N, C-alpha and C. Protein backbone atom coordinates (compact mmCIF):
# COMPACT_ATOMS: atom_id res chain seq x y z
N MET A 1 -10.63 29.59 29.38
CA MET A 1 -9.72 30.72 29.25
C MET A 1 -8.57 30.36 28.32
N ARG A 2 -8.06 31.35 27.62
CA ARG A 2 -6.84 31.19 26.82
C ARG A 2 -5.66 31.49 27.75
N ILE A 3 -4.88 30.48 28.02
CA ILE A 3 -3.80 30.59 29.00
C ILE A 3 -2.45 30.39 28.32
N ALA A 4 -1.58 31.39 28.43
CA ALA A 4 -0.22 31.25 27.91
C ALA A 4 0.60 30.49 28.94
N VAL A 5 1.09 29.32 28.56
CA VAL A 5 1.94 28.51 29.43
C VAL A 5 3.38 28.77 29.01
N VAL A 6 4.05 29.68 29.72
CA VAL A 6 5.40 30.10 29.34
C VAL A 6 6.39 29.25 30.15
N GLU A 7 6.87 28.18 29.53
CA GLU A 7 7.69 27.18 30.23
C GLU A 7 8.60 26.51 29.20
N ASP A 8 9.92 26.53 29.45
CA ASP A 8 10.84 25.96 28.47
C ASP A 8 11.09 24.46 28.67
N ASP A 9 10.75 23.94 29.84
CA ASP A 9 10.92 22.51 30.09
C ASP A 9 9.76 21.75 29.45
N ASP A 10 10.06 20.88 28.48
CA ASP A 10 9.00 20.20 27.73
C ASP A 10 8.15 19.30 28.62
N GLY A 11 8.77 18.62 29.57
CA GLY A 11 8.01 17.75 30.44
C GLY A 11 6.99 18.51 31.26
N VAL A 12 7.44 19.58 31.90
CA VAL A 12 6.54 20.41 32.71
C VAL A 12 5.51 21.11 31.84
N GLY A 13 5.97 21.69 30.73
CA GLY A 13 5.06 22.42 29.85
C GLY A 13 3.96 21.55 29.27
N ASP A 14 4.34 20.36 28.80
CA ASP A 14 3.34 19.46 28.22
C ASP A 14 2.33 18.99 29.27
N ALA A 15 2.81 18.73 30.49
CA ALA A 15 1.92 18.30 31.56
C ALA A 15 0.92 19.40 31.91
N LEU A 16 1.39 20.63 31.97
CA LEU A 16 0.51 21.75 32.28
C LEU A 16 -0.53 21.95 31.18
N VAL A 17 -0.09 21.88 29.94
CA VAL A 17 -1.03 22.03 28.81
C VAL A 17 -2.10 20.96 28.87
N ASP A 18 -1.72 19.71 29.09
CA ASP A 18 -2.70 18.62 29.16
C ASP A 18 -3.67 18.81 30.31
N ALA A 19 -3.14 19.20 31.49
CA ALA A 19 -3.98 19.35 32.67
C ALA A 19 -4.98 20.50 32.49
N LEU A 20 -4.54 21.60 31.92
CA LEU A 20 -5.43 22.74 31.73
C LEU A 20 -6.47 22.47 30.64
N ALA A 21 -6.07 21.74 29.61
CA ALA A 21 -7.01 21.39 28.54
C ALA A 21 -8.09 20.45 29.06
N GLU A 22 -7.74 19.57 29.98
CA GLU A 22 -8.70 18.60 30.53
C GLU A 22 -9.84 19.28 31.28
N VAL A 23 -9.57 20.46 31.85
CA VAL A 23 -10.63 21.16 32.59
C VAL A 23 -11.26 22.27 31.76
N GLY A 24 -11.06 22.21 30.45
CA GLY A 24 -11.81 23.07 29.55
C GLY A 24 -11.13 24.35 29.09
N HIS A 25 -9.86 24.57 29.46
CA HIS A 25 -9.17 25.78 29.03
C HIS A 25 -8.50 25.57 27.68
N LYS A 26 -7.97 26.67 27.13
CA LYS A 26 -7.27 26.61 25.86
C LYS A 26 -5.82 27.07 26.09
N PRO A 27 -4.98 26.17 26.59
CA PRO A 27 -3.59 26.55 26.87
C PRO A 27 -2.78 26.68 25.58
N VAL A 28 -1.89 27.66 25.57
CA VAL A 28 -0.99 27.87 24.44
C VAL A 28 0.44 27.80 24.96
N ARG A 29 1.19 26.85 24.48
CA ARG A 29 2.56 26.65 24.95
C ARG A 29 3.50 27.69 24.35
N MET A 30 4.27 28.35 25.21
CA MET A 30 5.30 29.29 24.79
C MET A 30 6.58 28.94 25.53
N ARG A 31 7.71 28.99 24.84
CA ARG A 31 8.96 28.55 25.45
C ARG A 31 9.91 29.69 25.81
N ARG A 32 9.67 30.89 25.28
CA ARG A 32 10.58 32.01 25.52
C ARG A 32 9.82 33.24 25.99
N GLY A 33 10.56 34.14 26.62
CA GLY A 33 9.95 35.38 27.06
C GLY A 33 9.44 36.21 25.91
N THR A 34 10.20 36.22 24.81
CA THR A 34 9.76 37.01 23.65
C THR A 34 8.45 36.49 23.07
N ASP A 35 8.18 35.20 23.23
CA ASP A 35 6.93 34.64 22.72
C ASP A 35 5.72 35.29 23.40
N VAL A 36 5.78 35.44 24.71
CA VAL A 36 4.64 36.02 25.42
C VAL A 36 4.58 37.53 25.23
N LEU A 37 5.72 38.19 25.05
CA LEU A 37 5.70 39.62 24.80
C LEU A 37 5.04 39.93 23.46
N LEU A 38 5.16 39.02 22.51
CA LEU A 38 4.55 39.20 21.20
C LEU A 38 3.12 38.67 21.14
N GLY A 39 2.79 37.66 21.96
CA GLY A 39 1.50 36.99 21.83
C GLY A 39 0.53 37.19 22.98
N HIS A 40 0.87 38.04 23.94
CA HIS A 40 0.04 38.18 25.15
C HIS A 40 -1.35 38.74 24.88
N HIS A 41 -1.50 39.56 23.81
CA HIS A 41 -2.79 40.22 23.57
C HIS A 41 -3.89 39.23 23.20
N GLU A 42 -3.55 37.99 22.91
CA GLU A 42 -4.55 36.97 22.61
C GLU A 42 -4.88 36.11 23.82
N MET A 43 -4.26 36.40 24.96
CA MET A 43 -4.39 35.57 26.15
C MET A 43 -5.28 36.21 27.22
N ASP A 44 -5.93 35.35 28.01
CA ASP A 44 -6.71 35.81 29.17
C ASP A 44 -5.87 35.81 30.43
N VAL A 45 -4.92 34.88 30.52
CA VAL A 45 -4.04 34.75 31.67
C VAL A 45 -2.68 34.26 31.18
N VAL A 46 -1.62 34.67 31.89
CA VAL A 46 -0.28 34.18 31.58
C VAL A 46 0.25 33.39 32.78
N LEU A 47 0.71 32.18 32.52
CA LEU A 47 1.36 31.35 33.54
C LEU A 47 2.84 31.39 33.21
N LEU A 48 3.62 32.05 34.05
CA LEU A 48 4.99 32.42 33.69
C LEU A 48 6.05 31.75 34.56
N ASP A 49 6.93 31.01 33.90
CA ASP A 49 8.12 30.48 34.58
C ASP A 49 9.17 31.59 34.61
N LEU A 50 10.04 31.58 35.62
CA LEU A 50 11.08 32.61 35.70
C LEU A 50 12.37 32.19 35.03
N GLY A 51 12.60 30.90 34.88
CA GLY A 51 13.83 30.41 34.26
C GLY A 51 13.64 30.15 32.79
N LEU A 52 13.77 31.18 31.97
CA LEU A 52 13.55 31.05 30.53
C LEU A 52 14.87 31.20 29.77
N PRO A 53 14.97 30.64 28.57
CA PRO A 53 16.25 30.60 27.87
C PRO A 53 16.72 31.93 27.31
N ASP A 54 15.79 32.85 26.98
CA ASP A 54 16.21 34.08 26.32
C ASP A 54 16.33 35.27 27.27
N MET A 55 15.59 35.26 28.37
CA MET A 55 15.69 36.33 29.36
C MET A 55 15.07 35.88 30.66
N ASP A 56 15.46 36.51 31.77
CA ASP A 56 14.91 36.14 33.06
C ASP A 56 13.43 36.47 33.11
N GLY A 57 12.66 35.60 33.77
CA GLY A 57 11.22 35.80 33.85
C GLY A 57 10.82 37.10 34.51
N LEU A 58 11.61 37.60 35.46
CA LEU A 58 11.30 38.87 36.10
C LEU A 58 11.43 40.03 35.11
N GLU A 59 12.38 39.91 34.19
CA GLU A 59 12.52 40.92 33.14
C GLU A 59 11.36 40.83 32.16
N VAL A 60 10.93 39.61 31.86
CA VAL A 60 9.75 39.43 31.01
C VAL A 60 8.54 40.10 31.66
N LEU A 61 8.37 39.89 32.96
CA LEU A 61 7.24 40.47 33.68
C LEU A 61 7.30 41.98 33.62
N ARG A 62 8.48 42.55 33.84
CA ARG A 62 8.62 44.01 33.82
C ARG A 62 8.23 44.57 32.45
N LYS A 63 8.71 43.94 31.39
CA LYS A 63 8.39 44.41 30.04
C LYS A 63 6.92 44.21 29.73
N LEU A 64 6.36 43.08 30.16
CA LEU A 64 4.95 42.81 29.90
C LEU A 64 4.06 43.84 30.55
N ARG A 65 4.44 44.29 31.74
CA ARG A 65 3.62 45.26 32.45
C ARG A 65 3.65 46.65 31.82
N THR A 66 4.63 46.93 30.97
CA THR A 66 4.61 48.18 30.21
C THR A 66 3.69 48.07 29.01
N LEU A 67 3.29 46.84 28.67
CA LEU A 67 2.46 46.60 27.49
C LEU A 67 1.02 46.28 27.83
N SER A 68 0.80 45.60 28.94
CA SER A 68 -0.52 45.02 29.18
C SER A 68 -0.77 44.79 30.67
N SER A 69 -2.05 44.74 31.02
CA SER A 69 -2.44 44.39 32.40
C SER A 69 -3.00 42.97 32.47
N VAL A 70 -2.68 42.15 31.47
CA VAL A 70 -3.14 40.75 31.48
C VAL A 70 -2.70 40.08 32.79
N PRO A 71 -3.57 39.32 33.44
CA PRO A 71 -3.18 38.65 34.70
C PRO A 71 -1.99 37.72 34.50
N VAL A 72 -1.06 37.74 35.46
CA VAL A 72 0.13 36.89 35.40
C VAL A 72 0.26 36.11 36.70
N VAL A 73 0.31 34.79 36.57
CA VAL A 73 0.61 33.93 37.71
C VAL A 73 1.98 33.33 37.48
N VAL A 74 2.91 33.62 38.38
CA VAL A 74 4.26 33.08 38.26
C VAL A 74 4.28 31.65 38.79
N LEU A 75 4.86 30.73 38.02
CA LEU A 75 5.03 29.34 38.44
C LEU A 75 6.50 29.00 38.28
N THR A 76 7.22 28.84 39.38
CA THR A 76 8.67 28.72 39.32
C THR A 76 9.22 27.85 40.44
N ALA A 77 10.44 27.40 40.26
CA ALA A 77 11.13 26.64 41.31
C ALA A 77 11.77 27.57 42.34
N ARG A 78 11.85 28.85 42.04
CA ARG A 78 12.47 29.80 42.96
C ARG A 78 11.55 30.03 44.17
N ASP A 79 12.02 29.66 45.34
CA ASP A 79 11.18 29.82 46.52
C ASP A 79 11.77 30.82 47.52
N ASP A 80 12.79 31.59 47.10
CA ASP A 80 13.38 32.57 48.02
C ASP A 80 12.49 33.81 48.10
N GLU A 81 12.51 34.44 49.25
CA GLU A 81 11.64 35.58 49.52
C GLU A 81 11.90 36.74 48.54
N ARG A 82 13.16 36.95 48.20
CA ARG A 82 13.51 38.06 47.31
C ARG A 82 12.82 37.92 45.95
N SER A 83 12.82 36.71 45.40
CA SER A 83 12.16 36.51 44.10
C SER A 83 10.66 36.71 44.20
N VAL A 84 10.07 36.22 45.29
CA VAL A 84 8.63 36.40 45.49
C VAL A 84 8.27 37.88 45.55
N VAL A 85 9.02 38.62 46.36
CA VAL A 85 8.74 40.05 46.54
C VAL A 85 8.94 40.81 45.24
N ARG A 86 10.02 40.50 44.52
CA ARG A 86 10.28 41.20 43.26
C ARG A 86 9.18 40.92 42.23
N ALA A 87 8.72 39.69 42.18
CA ALA A 87 7.66 39.34 41.22
C ALA A 87 6.36 40.04 41.55
N LEU A 88 5.97 40.02 42.81
CA LEU A 88 4.71 40.65 43.20
C LEU A 88 4.77 42.17 43.04
N HIS A 89 5.90 42.75 43.42
CA HIS A 89 6.06 44.19 43.24
C HIS A 89 6.17 44.55 41.75
N GLY A 90 6.62 43.59 40.95
CA GLY A 90 6.76 43.83 39.51
C GLY A 90 5.47 43.66 38.74
N GLY A 91 4.38 43.29 39.41
CA GLY A 91 3.09 43.22 38.74
C GLY A 91 2.47 41.85 38.62
N ALA A 92 3.10 40.82 39.20
CA ALA A 92 2.48 39.49 39.17
C ALA A 92 1.24 39.47 40.05
N ASP A 93 0.21 38.77 39.62
CA ASP A 93 -1.02 38.65 40.40
C ASP A 93 -0.90 37.57 41.47
N ASP A 94 -0.04 36.59 41.24
CA ASP A 94 0.13 35.51 42.20
C ASP A 94 1.48 34.84 41.94
N TYR A 95 1.91 34.03 42.92
CA TYR A 95 3.23 33.39 42.85
C TYR A 95 3.08 31.98 43.40
N VAL A 96 3.40 30.98 42.58
CA VAL A 96 3.26 29.58 42.96
C VAL A 96 4.61 28.88 42.78
N VAL A 97 5.03 28.13 43.79
CA VAL A 97 6.32 27.43 43.74
C VAL A 97 6.10 25.99 43.26
N LYS A 98 6.96 25.56 42.34
CA LYS A 98 6.90 24.17 41.85
C LYS A 98 7.41 23.23 42.94
N PRO A 99 6.91 21.99 42.95
CA PRO A 99 5.84 21.46 42.11
C PRO A 99 4.48 21.93 42.62
N ALA A 100 3.63 22.32 41.71
CA ALA A 100 2.33 22.87 42.09
C ALA A 100 1.26 21.79 42.08
N ARG A 101 0.35 21.88 43.03
CA ARG A 101 -0.83 21.01 43.02
C ARG A 101 -1.79 21.57 41.99
N LEU A 102 -2.20 20.76 41.04
CA LEU A 102 -2.96 21.25 39.90
C LEU A 102 -4.29 21.89 40.29
N GLY A 103 -4.95 21.35 41.29
CA GLY A 103 -6.21 21.94 41.73
C GLY A 103 -6.01 23.35 42.26
N GLU A 104 -4.97 23.52 43.05
CA GLU A 104 -4.67 24.84 43.61
C GLU A 104 -4.26 25.81 42.50
N LEU A 105 -3.42 25.34 41.59
CA LEU A 105 -2.97 26.19 40.49
C LEU A 105 -4.15 26.64 39.64
N HIS A 106 -5.05 25.73 39.35
CA HIS A 106 -6.24 26.06 38.57
C HIS A 106 -7.06 27.13 39.27
N ALA A 107 -7.24 26.99 40.58
CA ALA A 107 -8.00 27.97 41.34
C ALA A 107 -7.33 29.34 41.32
N ARG A 108 -6.02 29.37 41.45
CA ARG A 108 -5.30 30.64 41.44
C ARG A 108 -5.40 31.33 40.08
N LEU A 109 -5.36 30.56 39.00
CA LEU A 109 -5.53 31.13 37.67
C LEU A 109 -6.93 31.73 37.50
N GLN A 110 -7.92 31.03 38.01
CA GLN A 110 -9.29 31.53 37.92
C GLN A 110 -9.48 32.82 38.72
N VAL A 111 -8.91 32.86 39.90
CA VAL A 111 -9.02 34.06 40.74
C VAL A 111 -8.35 35.25 40.07
N ALA A 112 -7.17 35.04 39.50
CA ALA A 112 -6.45 36.11 38.82
C ALA A 112 -7.26 36.65 37.64
N ALA A 113 -7.84 35.76 36.87
CA ALA A 113 -8.64 36.17 35.72
C ALA A 113 -9.91 36.88 36.16
N ARG A 114 -10.56 36.38 37.21
CA ARG A 114 -11.79 36.98 37.71
C ARG A 114 -11.53 38.39 38.24
N ARG A 115 -10.38 38.60 38.87
CA ARG A 115 -10.02 39.92 39.38
C ARG A 115 -9.92 40.92 38.25
N ARG A 116 -9.33 40.49 37.12
CA ARG A 116 -9.19 41.35 35.96
C ARG A 116 -10.54 41.67 35.35
N ILE A 117 -11.41 40.67 35.23
CA ILE A 117 -12.75 40.88 34.66
C ILE A 117 -13.54 41.85 35.51
N THR A 118 -13.45 41.72 36.83
CA THR A 118 -14.15 42.63 37.75
C THR A 118 -13.68 44.06 37.56
N THR A 119 -12.39 44.24 37.36
CA THR A 119 -11.84 45.57 37.17
C THR A 119 -12.37 46.19 35.88
N ILE A 120 -12.41 45.38 34.82
CA ILE A 120 -12.92 45.89 33.54
C ILE A 120 -14.40 46.23 33.64
N ASP A 121 -15.19 45.34 34.26
CA ASP A 121 -16.62 45.55 34.34
C ASP A 121 -17.00 46.73 35.21
N SER A 122 -16.11 47.14 36.11
CA SER A 122 -16.42 48.24 37.02
C SER A 122 -16.28 49.61 36.35
N THR A 123 -15.77 49.65 35.12
CA THR A 123 -15.63 50.90 34.40
C THR A 123 -16.99 51.40 33.93
N ALA A 124 -17.32 52.66 34.24
CA ALA A 124 -18.60 53.22 33.84
C ALA A 124 -18.68 53.32 32.32
N ASP A 125 -19.91 53.18 31.78
CA ASP A 125 -20.09 53.27 30.34
C ASP A 125 -19.98 54.71 29.86
N ARG A 126 -20.29 55.66 30.76
CA ARG A 126 -20.27 57.08 30.37
C ARG A 126 -19.48 57.85 31.42
N LEU A 127 -18.42 58.48 30.99
CA LEU A 127 -17.54 59.18 31.90
C LEU A 127 -17.67 60.68 31.70
N VAL A 128 -17.87 61.41 32.80
CA VAL A 128 -17.95 62.86 32.76
C VAL A 128 -16.69 63.39 33.41
N LEU A 129 -15.86 64.03 32.61
CA LEU A 129 -14.55 64.50 33.05
C LEU A 129 -14.48 66.01 32.81
N GLY A 130 -14.94 66.78 33.79
CA GLY A 130 -15.05 68.22 33.58
C GLY A 130 -16.12 68.48 32.54
N ASP A 131 -15.78 69.22 31.48
CA ASP A 131 -16.76 69.47 30.42
C ASP A 131 -16.58 68.50 29.24
N ILE A 132 -15.82 67.44 29.50
CA ILE A 132 -15.64 66.39 28.48
C ILE A 132 -16.45 65.17 28.90
N VAL A 133 -17.32 64.69 27.99
CA VAL A 133 -18.13 63.51 28.25
C VAL A 133 -17.75 62.43 27.25
N VAL A 134 -17.34 61.27 27.77
CA VAL A 134 -16.92 60.16 26.91
C VAL A 134 -17.90 59.02 27.10
N ASP A 135 -18.59 58.63 26.04
CA ASP A 135 -19.52 57.50 26.07
C ASP A 135 -18.81 56.30 25.46
N LEU A 136 -18.44 55.33 26.30
CA LEU A 136 -17.66 54.19 25.84
C LEU A 136 -18.49 53.19 25.05
N VAL A 137 -19.82 53.22 25.23
CA VAL A 137 -20.69 52.31 24.48
C VAL A 137 -20.99 52.87 23.10
N ASP A 138 -21.43 54.13 23.05
CA ASP A 138 -21.73 54.76 21.76
C ASP A 138 -20.48 55.23 21.02
N ARG A 139 -19.35 55.19 21.74
CA ARG A 139 -18.07 55.63 21.17
C ARG A 139 -18.18 57.08 20.67
N SER A 140 -18.72 57.94 21.54
CA SER A 140 -18.88 59.35 21.19
C SER A 140 -18.26 60.22 22.26
N VAL A 141 -17.92 61.45 21.87
CA VAL A 141 -17.28 62.39 22.78
C VAL A 141 -17.91 63.76 22.61
N GLU A 142 -18.19 64.40 23.74
CA GLU A 142 -18.67 65.78 23.72
C GLU A 142 -17.71 66.64 24.52
N VAL A 143 -17.44 67.82 24.01
CA VAL A 143 -16.62 68.80 24.71
C VAL A 143 -17.42 70.08 24.84
N ASN A 144 -17.74 70.43 26.08
CA ASN A 144 -18.55 71.63 26.35
C ASN A 144 -19.88 71.58 25.59
N GLY A 145 -20.48 70.37 25.56
CA GLY A 145 -21.79 70.21 24.94
C GLY A 145 -21.78 69.98 23.45
N ARG A 146 -20.62 70.02 22.82
CA ARG A 146 -20.54 69.84 21.38
C ARG A 146 -19.79 68.54 21.05
N GLY A 147 -20.28 67.85 20.03
CA GLY A 147 -19.65 66.60 19.63
C GLY A 147 -18.27 66.83 19.04
N ALA A 148 -17.34 65.96 19.38
CA ALA A 148 -15.99 66.00 18.82
C ALA A 148 -15.85 64.83 17.85
N ALA A 149 -15.51 65.14 16.62
CA ALA A 149 -15.42 64.11 15.58
C ALA A 149 -14.05 63.44 15.62
N LEU A 150 -13.97 62.33 16.36
CA LEU A 150 -12.71 61.59 16.47
C LEU A 150 -12.70 60.41 15.51
N THR A 151 -11.53 60.10 15.02
CA THR A 151 -11.37 58.88 14.22
C THR A 151 -11.42 57.67 15.17
N THR A 152 -11.49 56.49 14.59
CA THR A 152 -11.54 55.27 15.41
C THR A 152 -10.33 55.16 16.33
N LYS A 153 -9.15 55.38 15.78
CA LYS A 153 -7.93 55.27 16.58
C LYS A 153 -7.83 56.36 17.63
N GLU A 154 -8.26 57.56 17.28
CA GLU A 154 -8.25 58.66 18.25
C GLU A 154 -9.17 58.36 19.42
N PHE A 155 -10.35 57.78 19.12
CA PHE A 155 -11.27 57.44 20.21
C PHE A 155 -10.69 56.33 21.09
N GLU A 156 -10.07 55.32 20.47
CA GLU A 156 -9.48 54.23 21.24
C GLU A 156 -8.35 54.75 22.13
N LEU A 157 -7.59 55.69 21.62
CA LEU A 157 -6.52 56.31 22.41
C LEU A 157 -7.12 57.06 23.60
N LEU A 158 -8.16 57.84 23.34
CA LEU A 158 -8.83 58.57 24.41
C LEU A 158 -9.42 57.62 25.45
N ALA A 159 -10.11 56.58 24.98
CA ALA A 159 -10.76 55.63 25.90
C ALA A 159 -9.73 54.94 26.79
N HIS A 160 -8.58 54.60 26.20
CA HIS A 160 -7.55 53.92 26.98
C HIS A 160 -7.03 54.83 28.09
N LEU A 161 -6.91 56.11 27.80
CA LEU A 161 -6.39 57.05 28.80
C LEU A 161 -7.43 57.37 29.88
N VAL A 162 -8.68 57.61 29.47
CA VAL A 162 -9.68 58.04 30.46
C VAL A 162 -10.09 56.90 31.39
N THR A 163 -10.04 55.66 30.91
CA THR A 163 -10.37 54.54 31.79
C THR A 163 -9.24 54.22 32.74
N ARG A 164 -8.11 54.86 32.52
CA ARG A 164 -6.96 54.72 33.43
C ARG A 164 -6.51 56.09 33.94
N ARG A 165 -7.49 56.99 34.08
CA ARG A 165 -7.18 58.37 34.47
C ARG A 165 -6.41 58.40 35.79
N GLY A 166 -5.40 59.26 35.79
CA GLY A 166 -4.53 59.36 36.94
C GLY A 166 -3.36 58.40 36.91
N GLU A 167 -3.41 57.44 35.98
CA GLU A 167 -2.36 56.41 35.89
C GLU A 167 -1.39 56.75 34.77
N ALA A 168 -0.12 56.55 35.02
CA ALA A 168 0.89 56.73 33.97
C ALA A 168 0.80 55.56 33.00
N VAL A 169 0.55 55.84 31.73
CA VAL A 169 0.40 54.79 30.71
C VAL A 169 1.55 54.92 29.73
N SER A 170 2.29 53.85 29.53
CA SER A 170 3.47 53.91 28.66
C SER A 170 3.08 53.97 27.19
N ARG A 171 3.99 54.48 26.39
CA ARG A 171 3.79 54.51 24.94
C ARG A 171 3.60 53.10 24.41
N GLU A 172 4.41 52.17 24.93
CA GLU A 172 4.31 50.78 24.46
C GLU A 172 2.95 50.18 24.76
N GLN A 173 2.40 50.48 25.93
CA GLN A 173 1.09 49.95 26.29
C GLN A 173 0.01 50.51 25.38
N LEU A 174 0.10 51.79 25.07
CA LEU A 174 -0.88 52.41 24.17
C LEU A 174 -0.80 51.81 22.77
N MET A 175 0.40 51.67 22.26
CA MET A 175 0.56 51.11 20.92
C MET A 175 0.07 49.67 20.86
N ASP A 176 0.36 48.91 21.91
CA ASP A 176 -0.07 47.51 21.95
C ASP A 176 -1.59 47.41 22.01
N ALA A 177 -2.21 48.25 22.84
CA ALA A 177 -3.66 48.19 23.02
C ALA A 177 -4.41 48.64 21.78
N ILE A 178 -3.88 49.62 21.05
CA ILE A 178 -4.61 50.23 19.95
C ILE A 178 -4.24 49.65 18.59
N TRP A 179 -2.95 49.37 18.41
CA TRP A 179 -2.51 48.84 17.12
C TRP A 179 -2.21 47.35 17.16
N GLY A 180 -2.33 46.73 18.34
CA GLY A 180 -2.24 45.28 18.42
C GLY A 180 -0.90 44.73 18.81
N ASP A 181 0.18 45.49 18.60
CA ASP A 181 1.49 44.96 18.96
C ASP A 181 2.50 46.10 18.99
N ALA A 182 2.99 46.42 20.18
CA ALA A 182 3.94 47.52 20.34
C ALA A 182 5.24 47.24 19.61
N TYR A 183 5.52 45.97 19.34
CA TYR A 183 6.79 45.63 18.72
C TYR A 183 6.78 45.85 17.21
N VAL A 184 5.59 46.02 16.63
CA VAL A 184 5.53 46.29 15.19
C VAL A 184 4.90 47.65 14.90
N ALA A 185 4.21 48.23 15.88
CA ALA A 185 3.61 49.55 15.67
C ALA A 185 4.71 50.60 15.53
N ILE A 186 4.43 51.61 14.72
CA ILE A 186 5.38 52.69 14.49
C ILE A 186 5.14 53.80 15.51
N SER A 187 6.16 54.15 16.26
CA SER A 187 6.02 55.14 17.32
C SER A 187 5.48 56.46 16.80
N ARG A 188 5.90 56.84 15.60
CA ARG A 188 5.46 58.12 15.03
C ARG A 188 3.95 58.14 14.84
N THR A 189 3.35 56.98 14.57
CA THR A 189 1.89 56.90 14.41
C THR A 189 1.18 57.36 15.67
N LEU A 190 1.69 56.93 16.82
CA LEU A 190 1.10 57.36 18.09
C LEU A 190 1.22 58.87 18.24
N ASP A 191 2.35 59.44 17.90
CA ASP A 191 2.54 60.89 18.01
C ASP A 191 1.53 61.66 17.18
N VAL A 192 1.30 61.19 15.96
CA VAL A 192 0.36 61.87 15.06
C VAL A 192 -1.05 61.84 15.63
N HIS A 193 -1.48 60.67 16.12
CA HIS A 193 -2.83 60.55 16.67
C HIS A 193 -2.97 61.34 17.97
N MET A 194 -1.94 61.36 18.78
CA MET A 194 -2.00 62.11 20.03
C MET A 194 -2.12 63.62 19.75
N THR A 195 -1.37 64.10 18.78
CA THR A 195 -1.45 65.51 18.41
C THR A 195 -2.85 65.87 17.92
N ALA A 196 -3.43 65.00 17.08
CA ALA A 196 -4.77 65.25 16.56
C ALA A 196 -5.82 65.21 17.68
N LEU A 197 -5.68 64.25 18.59
CA LEU A 197 -6.63 64.13 19.70
C LEU A 197 -6.59 65.38 20.58
N ARG A 198 -5.40 65.81 20.93
CA ARG A 198 -5.27 67.01 21.77
C ARG A 198 -5.87 68.23 21.08
N SER A 199 -5.66 68.33 19.78
CA SER A 199 -6.20 69.46 19.03
C SER A 199 -7.72 69.46 19.02
N LYS A 200 -8.33 68.30 18.82
CA LYS A 200 -9.79 68.21 18.77
C LYS A 200 -10.44 68.43 20.13
N LEU A 201 -9.79 67.97 21.19
CA LEU A 201 -10.33 68.20 22.53
C LEU A 201 -10.13 69.65 22.95
N ASP A 202 -9.01 70.25 22.54
CA ASP A 202 -8.69 71.65 22.83
C ASP A 202 -8.76 71.94 24.33
N ARG A 203 -8.16 71.04 25.10
CA ARG A 203 -8.11 71.21 26.55
C ARG A 203 -6.67 70.99 27.02
N PRO A 204 -5.82 72.01 26.85
CA PRO A 204 -4.41 71.87 27.24
C PRO A 204 -4.27 71.44 28.70
N GLY A 205 -3.35 70.53 28.96
CA GLY A 205 -3.11 70.07 30.32
C GLY A 205 -3.93 68.87 30.72
N THR A 206 -4.90 68.49 29.89
CA THR A 206 -5.72 67.32 30.21
C THR A 206 -4.93 66.03 30.03
N ILE A 207 -4.19 65.95 28.93
CA ILE A 207 -3.31 64.80 28.68
C ILE A 207 -1.87 65.27 28.89
N VAL A 208 -1.27 64.79 29.94
CA VAL A 208 0.08 65.21 30.31
C VAL A 208 1.10 64.22 29.75
N THR A 209 2.16 64.76 29.14
CA THR A 209 3.25 63.92 28.65
C THR A 209 4.22 63.61 29.78
N ILE A 210 4.53 62.34 29.96
CA ILE A 210 5.54 61.92 30.93
C ILE A 210 6.80 61.63 30.13
N ARG A 211 7.74 62.51 30.22
CA ARG A 211 8.92 62.45 29.37
C ARG A 211 9.65 61.10 29.50
N GLY A 212 9.93 60.51 28.36
CA GLY A 212 10.65 59.24 28.33
C GLY A 212 9.80 58.03 28.68
N PHE A 213 8.48 58.23 28.92
CA PHE A 213 7.64 57.09 29.30
C PHE A 213 6.34 57.05 28.51
N GLY A 214 5.48 58.04 28.71
CA GLY A 214 4.17 57.97 28.08
C GLY A 214 3.30 59.14 28.44
N TYR A 215 2.04 58.86 28.84
CA TYR A 215 1.06 59.91 29.06
C TYR A 215 0.20 59.61 30.29
N ARG A 216 -0.47 60.67 30.78
CA ARG A 216 -1.43 60.51 31.88
C ARG A 216 -2.60 61.46 31.66
N TRP A 217 -3.82 60.94 31.85
CA TRP A 217 -5.02 61.77 31.85
C TRP A 217 -5.23 62.28 33.28
N VAL A 218 -5.33 63.59 33.44
CA VAL A 218 -5.26 64.15 34.80
C VAL A 218 -6.56 64.71 35.34
N THR A 219 -7.63 64.81 34.54
CA THR A 219 -8.87 65.40 35.05
C THR A 219 -9.73 64.37 35.77
């Protein structure tokens, strides 16, 4: 697995990188919260310290969850209940207090990654949503029995929404998933593609705008 080791302490970070590499993983050392916010899309799992130099790890977690559902295992010296609860409620998959036993930490990382893979694999290849049929394998869409000619980006936008139907999806998460990085993607680009997608589907109310946040597929 490609594992982001987000740790500013060189001694701890280097030890973790060496230990994870020894068991066949590809750890990538990151020292700041901004590093993982910019580089998370290349990772399978994030190992996140809470005491980072540029921002608190809980804030990093909150921002990361608006961008991605990549598994996150918190590894920190904070052992108070409040920090544990805030991290888990904030989207962490697991919480480990330092010093961690490497065997246990490795197992927890594997479980977090496996949970994510299971979630992805459980998505049907062909989704029937009212009179809209989305084939995720053939990358085709039918509306009331007729094919809808979507561009590549329009289809990716649709696929991201329908596979998370009923879920509020942030603008940042959509831009990150489709254009690769929400921090460099232009917000107006998303607006243009969303307008075109809604027009081609011609099903008002199917994609609901959540003011100040993002969108939700409701059928």
